[in-house]
N, C-alpha and C. Protein backbone atom coordinates (compact mmCIF):
# COMPACT_ATOMS: atom_id res chain seq x y z
N MET A 1 68.50 144.15 -33.68
CA MET A 1 69.81 145.00 -32.90
C MET A 1 70.37 144.89 -34.44
N LYS A 2 71.31 146.22 -34.02
CA LYS A 2 72.08 145.92 -35.26
C LYS A 2 73.53 146.22 -35.33
N VAL A 3 74.06 145.03 -35.10
CA VAL A 3 75.32 145.36 -35.12
C VAL A 3 76.49 146.45 -35.29
N PRO A 4 77.54 147.45 -34.40
CA PRO A 4 77.62 147.90 -34.80
C PRO A 4 78.96 148.31 -35.80
N SER A 5 79.43 148.99 -36.84
CA SER A 5 80.28 149.64 -37.27
C SER A 5 81.63 149.49 -36.63
N THR A 6 81.25 149.73 -35.15
CA THR A 6 83.27 150.78 -34.61
C THR A 6 82.96 149.15 -34.06
N SER A 7 84.21 149.58 -33.15
CA SER A 7 85.28 148.57 -32.43
C SER A 7 84.93 148.68 -30.58
N GLY A 8 84.47 150.29 -30.59
CA GLY A 8 84.53 150.86 -29.32
C GLY A 8 86.11 151.47 -29.43
N LEU A 9 86.85 151.55 -29.96
CA LEU A 9 87.95 152.03 -29.69
C LEU A 9 87.99 152.84 -30.99
N GLY A 10 87.38 153.28 -31.26
CA GLY A 10 86.92 154.31 -32.55
C GLY A 10 87.70 154.34 -34.16
N PHE A 11 88.19 153.06 -34.74
CA PHE A 11 87.98 152.81 -35.53
C PHE A 11 87.66 151.72 -36.14
N LYS A 12 86.54 151.80 -37.35
CA LYS A 12 85.72 150.63 -38.17
C LYS A 12 86.16 149.69 -38.09
N ILE A 13 85.52 148.11 -38.19
CA ILE A 13 85.26 146.91 -38.53
C ILE A 13 84.96 146.93 -39.74
N PRO A 14 85.70 146.65 -41.24
CA PRO A 14 85.10 146.61 -42.14
C PRO A 14 84.11 145.24 -42.48
N MET A 15 83.24 145.33 -42.81
CA MET A 15 82.12 144.17 -42.51
C MET A 15 82.08 142.95 -42.18
N LEU A 16 81.55 143.74 -40.81
CA LEU A 16 81.72 143.55 -39.30
C LEU A 16 79.93 142.92 -39.39
N ASP A 17 78.81 142.96 -39.91
CA ASP A 17 78.02 143.01 -39.63
C ASP A 17 77.87 141.76 -40.25
N LYS A 18 78.81 140.92 -40.85
CA LYS A 18 78.99 140.35 -42.61
C LYS A 18 79.52 138.69 -41.84
N MET A 19 80.09 139.64 -40.85
CA MET A 19 80.86 138.20 -40.36
C MET A 19 80.80 137.41 -38.75
N VAL A 20 79.91 138.87 -38.40
CA VAL A 20 78.61 138.49 -37.09
C VAL A 20 77.96 136.86 -37.73
N HIS A 21 77.65 137.25 -38.78
CA HIS A 21 76.20 136.51 -39.36
C HIS A 21 77.27 134.99 -40.11
N VAL A 22 77.59 134.82 -40.50
CA VAL A 22 79.05 133.54 -41.12
C VAL A 22 79.58 133.54 -39.16
N ILE A 23 79.59 133.83 -38.43
CA ILE A 23 80.23 133.27 -37.21
C ILE A 23 79.25 132.26 -36.80
N ILE A 24 77.97 133.26 -36.46
CA ILE A 24 76.41 132.29 -36.23
C ILE A 24 76.37 131.05 -37.00
N PHE A 25 76.21 131.41 -38.04
CA PHE A 25 75.91 130.61 -39.03
C PHE A 25 76.89 129.27 -39.11
N ILE A 26 77.84 129.19 -38.49
CA ILE A 26 79.03 128.35 -38.68
C ILE A 26 78.75 127.48 -37.36
N GLY A 27 78.14 128.42 -36.02
CA GLY A 27 77.90 127.20 -35.36
C GLY A 27 76.37 126.73 -35.64
N LYS A 28 76.25 127.61 -35.65
CA LYS A 28 74.17 126.25 -36.66
C LYS A 28 74.42 125.24 -37.48
N GLY A 29 75.30 125.56 -38.39
CA GLY A 29 75.28 124.84 -39.16
C GLY A 29 76.05 123.41 -38.78
N PHE A 30 77.19 123.19 -37.26
CA PHE A 30 77.45 122.53 -37.32
C PHE A 30 76.78 121.72 -36.20
N LEU A 31 75.90 122.72 -35.10
CA LEU A 31 75.04 121.74 -34.22
C LEU A 31 73.93 121.38 -34.57
N PHE A 32 73.24 122.09 -35.79
CA PHE A 32 72.48 121.62 -36.46
C PHE A 32 72.64 119.83 -36.93
N SER A 33 73.06 120.38 -37.97
CA SER A 33 74.84 118.68 -38.33
C SER A 33 74.49 117.75 -36.89
N LEU A 34 75.14 118.04 -36.30
CA LEU A 34 75.19 116.74 -35.03
C LEU A 34 73.95 116.59 -34.89
N SER A 35 72.58 117.19 -33.94
CA SER A 35 71.60 116.84 -33.85
C SER A 35 70.85 116.13 -35.06
N PHE A 36 70.67 115.87 -35.94
CA PHE A 36 70.21 115.75 -37.59
C PHE A 36 70.82 114.49 -37.34
N ASP A 37 72.39 114.66 -37.25
CA ASP A 37 72.62 113.04 -37.31
C ASP A 37 72.05 112.24 -36.45
N ARG A 38 72.06 112.64 -35.42
CA ARG A 38 71.91 112.49 -33.42
C ARG A 38 70.54 111.68 -33.98
N HIS A 39 69.73 112.09 -33.97
CA HIS A 39 68.06 111.50 -34.77
C HIS A 39 67.95 111.40 -36.33
N PHE A 40 68.89 111.35 -37.12
CA PHE A 40 68.40 110.20 -38.17
C PHE A 40 69.13 109.30 -37.89
N LYS A 41 69.71 108.98 -36.80
CA LYS A 41 70.59 107.00 -36.63
C LYS A 41 69.00 106.18 -36.69
N ARG A 42 68.37 106.60 -36.53
CA ARG A 42 67.51 105.63 -36.14
C ARG A 42 66.79 105.36 -37.59
N ALA A 43 65.98 106.16 -38.41
CA ALA A 43 65.52 106.62 -39.26
C ALA A 43 66.34 106.10 -41.24
N ASN A 44 67.91 106.16 -40.31
CA ASN A 44 68.44 105.17 -41.97
C ASN A 44 68.60 105.48 -42.94
N ILE A 45 68.78 107.20 -42.29
CA ILE A 45 69.17 109.27 -43.89
C ILE A 45 70.12 109.36 -42.74
N GLN A 46 71.07 108.73 -42.04
CA GLN A 46 71.92 109.97 -41.79
C GLN A 46 72.48 110.11 -42.37
N ALA A 47 73.60 109.63 -43.92
CA ALA A 47 74.05 110.73 -44.77
C ALA A 47 73.40 112.05 -45.09
N ASN A 48 71.77 111.53 -44.74
CA ASN A 48 71.62 113.09 -44.97
C ASN A 48 70.88 114.39 -43.91
N ALA A 49 71.88 114.33 -42.74
CA ALA A 49 71.73 115.24 -41.91
C ALA A 49 72.35 116.19 -42.58
N MET A 50 73.00 116.74 -43.69
CA MET A 50 74.61 117.90 -44.34
C MET A 50 72.96 117.88 -45.03
N LEU A 51 71.95 117.29 -45.64
CA LEU A 51 71.92 117.97 -46.67
C LEU A 51 70.21 119.03 -46.42
N VAL A 52 69.89 118.60 -45.15
CA VAL A 52 68.97 118.96 -43.96
C VAL A 52 69.31 119.99 -43.41
N THR A 53 70.44 119.43 -42.87
CA THR A 53 70.47 121.50 -42.22
C THR A 53 70.77 122.46 -43.39
N LEU A 54 71.62 122.51 -44.53
CA LEU A 54 71.89 122.79 -45.63
C LEU A 54 70.51 123.42 -45.95
N VAL A 55 69.41 123.15 -46.12
CA VAL A 55 68.06 123.74 -46.44
C VAL A 55 67.66 124.40 -45.12
N PHE A 56 67.56 123.55 -44.10
CA PHE A 56 67.12 124.29 -43.08
C PHE A 56 67.99 125.43 -42.72
N CYS A 57 68.87 125.95 -42.80
CA CYS A 57 69.72 126.47 -42.49
C CYS A 57 69.19 128.02 -43.78
N THR A 58 69.40 127.26 -44.60
CA THR A 58 69.07 128.15 -45.74
C THR A 58 67.77 128.94 -45.70
N LEU A 59 66.88 128.70 -45.17
CA LEU A 59 65.20 128.72 -45.23
C LEU A 59 65.54 130.04 -44.38
N MET A 60 65.19 129.73 -43.20
CA MET A 60 66.45 129.90 -41.99
C MET A 60 66.54 131.43 -42.32
N GLY A 61 67.74 131.31 -42.82
CA GLY A 61 68.30 132.76 -43.31
C GLY A 61 67.18 133.59 -44.47
N GLY A 62 66.58 132.83 -44.77
CA GLY A 62 66.03 133.72 -45.48
C GLY A 62 64.39 134.18 -45.79
N PHE A 63 64.14 133.78 -44.18
CA PHE A 63 63.27 133.81 -43.86
C PHE A 63 62.95 135.41 -42.90
N THR A 64 64.62 134.65 -42.37
CA THR A 64 64.79 136.05 -41.25
C THR A 64 64.91 137.61 -41.37
N GLU A 65 65.77 137.21 -43.16
CA GLU A 65 65.92 138.67 -44.02
C GLU A 65 64.67 138.99 -44.56
N PHE A 66 64.00 138.23 -45.01
CA PHE A 66 62.13 138.64 -45.26
C PHE A 66 61.57 139.44 -44.51
N VAL A 67 61.70 138.33 -43.37
CA VAL A 67 60.60 139.50 -41.83
C VAL A 67 61.21 140.91 -41.84
N GLN A 68 62.65 139.86 -41.74
CA GLN A 68 62.89 142.33 -41.63
C GLN A 68 63.44 142.94 -42.71
N TYR A 69 62.93 142.58 -43.55
CA TYR A 69 63.15 144.01 -44.61
C TYR A 69 61.55 143.90 -44.92
N TYR A 70 60.53 143.29 -44.54
CA TYR A 70 58.63 143.90 -44.60
C TYR A 70 58.20 143.50 -44.08
N TRP A 71 58.76 143.48 -42.82
CA TRP A 71 57.76 143.84 -41.82
C TRP A 71 57.74 144.49 -40.09
N ILE A 72 59.89 144.26 -40.43
CA ILE A 72 60.34 145.56 -38.56
C ILE A 72 60.16 146.49 -38.72
N PRO A 73 60.01 147.65 -38.56
CA PRO A 73 60.87 149.30 -39.16
C PRO A 73 61.79 149.26 -38.47
N HIS A 74 62.37 150.19 -39.14
CA HIS A 74 63.77 150.04 -38.30
C HIS A 74 64.99 149.82 -38.72
N ARG A 75 64.53 148.04 -39.97
CA ARG A 75 65.50 147.12 -39.62
C ARG A 75 66.05 146.60 -41.06
N ASP A 76 66.61 146.29 -41.35
CA ASP A 76 67.05 146.17 -43.36
C ASP A 76 66.95 144.65 -43.63
N GLY A 77 66.80 143.86 -44.33
CA GLY A 77 66.66 142.41 -44.56
C GLY A 77 68.00 142.01 -45.27
N GLU A 78 69.14 142.50 -46.21
CA GLU A 78 70.03 142.39 -47.04
C GLU A 78 69.81 140.98 -47.70
N LEU A 79 70.59 141.20 -48.66
CA LEU A 79 71.30 139.64 -49.25
C LEU A 79 72.15 138.97 -49.47
N LYS A 80 73.44 140.39 -48.75
CA LYS A 80 74.62 140.18 -47.90
C LYS A 80 74.97 139.49 -46.90
N ASP A 81 73.24 139.82 -46.70
CA ASP A 81 73.55 139.01 -45.05
C ASP A 81 72.92 137.53 -44.98
N PHE A 82 72.49 137.37 -46.00
CA PHE A 82 71.98 136.23 -46.28
C PHE A 82 72.43 135.40 -46.95
N ILE A 83 73.27 136.06 -48.15
CA ILE A 83 74.93 135.36 -48.29
C ILE A 83 75.57 134.14 -47.34
N ALA A 84 76.30 135.60 -46.15
CA ALA A 84 76.85 135.12 -45.48
C ALA A 84 76.09 134.46 -43.80
N ASP A 85 74.90 134.12 -43.95
CA ASP A 85 74.04 132.85 -43.37
C ASP A 85 74.71 131.50 -44.41
N ILE A 86 74.71 131.27 -45.81
CA ILE A 86 74.51 130.87 -46.64
C ILE A 86 76.36 129.88 -46.78
N PHE A 87 76.75 131.34 -46.72
CA PHE A 87 78.82 130.80 -46.26
C PHE A 87 79.28 130.28 -45.07
N GLY A 88 77.90 131.02 -43.76
CA GLY A 88 79.15 130.43 -42.40
C GLY A 88 78.73 129.04 -42.48
N THR A 89 76.93 128.02 -43.08
CA THR A 89 76.45 127.55 -42.89
C THR A 89 77.84 126.38 -43.43
N VAL A 90 77.75 126.97 -45.05
CA VAL A 90 78.57 125.71 -45.69
C VAL A 90 80.04 125.63 -44.63
N ILE A 91 80.64 126.48 -43.75
CA ILE A 91 82.05 126.34 -43.12
C ILE A 91 81.47 125.57 -42.01
N GLY A 92 80.48 125.43 -41.47
CA GLY A 92 79.97 124.83 -40.11
C GLY A 92 79.01 123.41 -40.88
N LEU A 93 79.44 122.98 -42.21
CA LEU A 93 79.08 121.57 -42.82
C LEU A 93 80.84 121.28 -43.18
N SER A 94 81.26 122.23 -43.38
CA SER A 94 82.41 120.86 -43.70
C SER A 94 83.01 120.70 -42.55
N GLY A 95 83.63 121.71 -41.60
CA GLY A 95 83.36 121.30 -39.98
C GLY A 95 83.08 120.15 -39.34
N PHE A 96 81.41 120.13 -39.72
CA PHE A 96 80.72 118.71 -39.21
C PHE A 96 81.45 117.16 -40.19
N TRP A 97 81.60 117.32 -40.83
CA TRP A 97 82.32 116.69 -41.99
C TRP A 97 83.96 116.49 -41.72
N LEU A 98 84.13 117.23 -41.56
CA LEU A 98 85.49 116.87 -40.85
C LEU A 98 85.57 116.15 -39.31
N TRP A 99 84.48 116.61 -38.73
CA TRP A 99 85.05 115.64 -37.85
C TRP A 99 84.10 114.66 -37.74
N MET A 100 83.13 114.54 -38.24
CA MET A 100 82.58 112.75 -38.66
C MET A 100 84.06 111.78 -38.55
N LYS A 101 84.80 112.49 -40.57
CA LYS A 101 85.42 111.22 -40.46
C LYS A 101 87.15 111.48 -39.56
N LEU A 102 86.67 112.78 -39.39
CA LEU A 102 88.09 112.24 -37.93
C LEU A 102 87.82 110.79 -37.57
N ARG A 103 86.47 110.83 -36.53
CA ARG A 103 85.25 110.62 -35.72
C ARG A 103 85.45 109.32 -36.35
N LEU A 104 85.79 108.76 -37.29
CA LEU A 104 84.87 107.48 -37.57
C LEU A 104 86.93 107.18 -38.07
N THR A 105 87.85 107.64 -38.06
CA THR A 105 89.37 107.04 -38.67
C THR A 105 89.51 106.73 -37.42
N TYR A 106 89.36 107.29 -35.95
CA TYR A 106 89.76 107.64 -34.71
C TYR A 106 88.87 105.98 -34.42
N SER A 107 87.89 105.52 -34.82
CA SER A 107 87.35 104.51 -33.97
C SER A 107 87.64 103.62 -34.13
N GLN A 108 88.45 103.48 -35.44
CA GLN A 108 88.71 102.47 -36.82
C GLN A 108 89.63 102.11 -34.92
N LYS A 109 90.27 103.40 -34.82
CA LYS A 109 91.79 102.90 -34.66
C LYS A 109 91.62 102.49 -33.03
N LYS A 110 91.25 102.25 -32.53
CA LYS A 110 90.39 103.25 -30.50
C LYS A 110 90.66 102.93 -30.40
N ILE A 111 91.39 104.96 -31.23
CA ILE A 111 91.85 106.18 -30.32
C ILE A 111 90.67 106.52 -29.37
N PHE A 112 89.87 106.57 -30.07
CA PHE A 112 88.30 107.07 -29.26
C PHE A 112 87.12 106.92 -28.73
């Protein structure tokens, strides 16, 4: 499904498709990091949760664009969409890192 470039009110929103990619991957970056962080606690590789998330989301974004470009008729896989996916993932990872830092700070102060 292609995201329309108009708002429904008659005016265009530039780069709306790219904004949607960024927003979706912000959520994926944060939530996958949270999931991997909790999973890897037992394996003592918790610090790698963000790296695993970055690799996973990058591969997922690249794969979806590749599939759209080569195998789905009337769909376009774009490099700009892939870049927007990576950008959103990095923002999500930054939010996760900040959340973990704040959680650690407040847990040391017994606030959480």
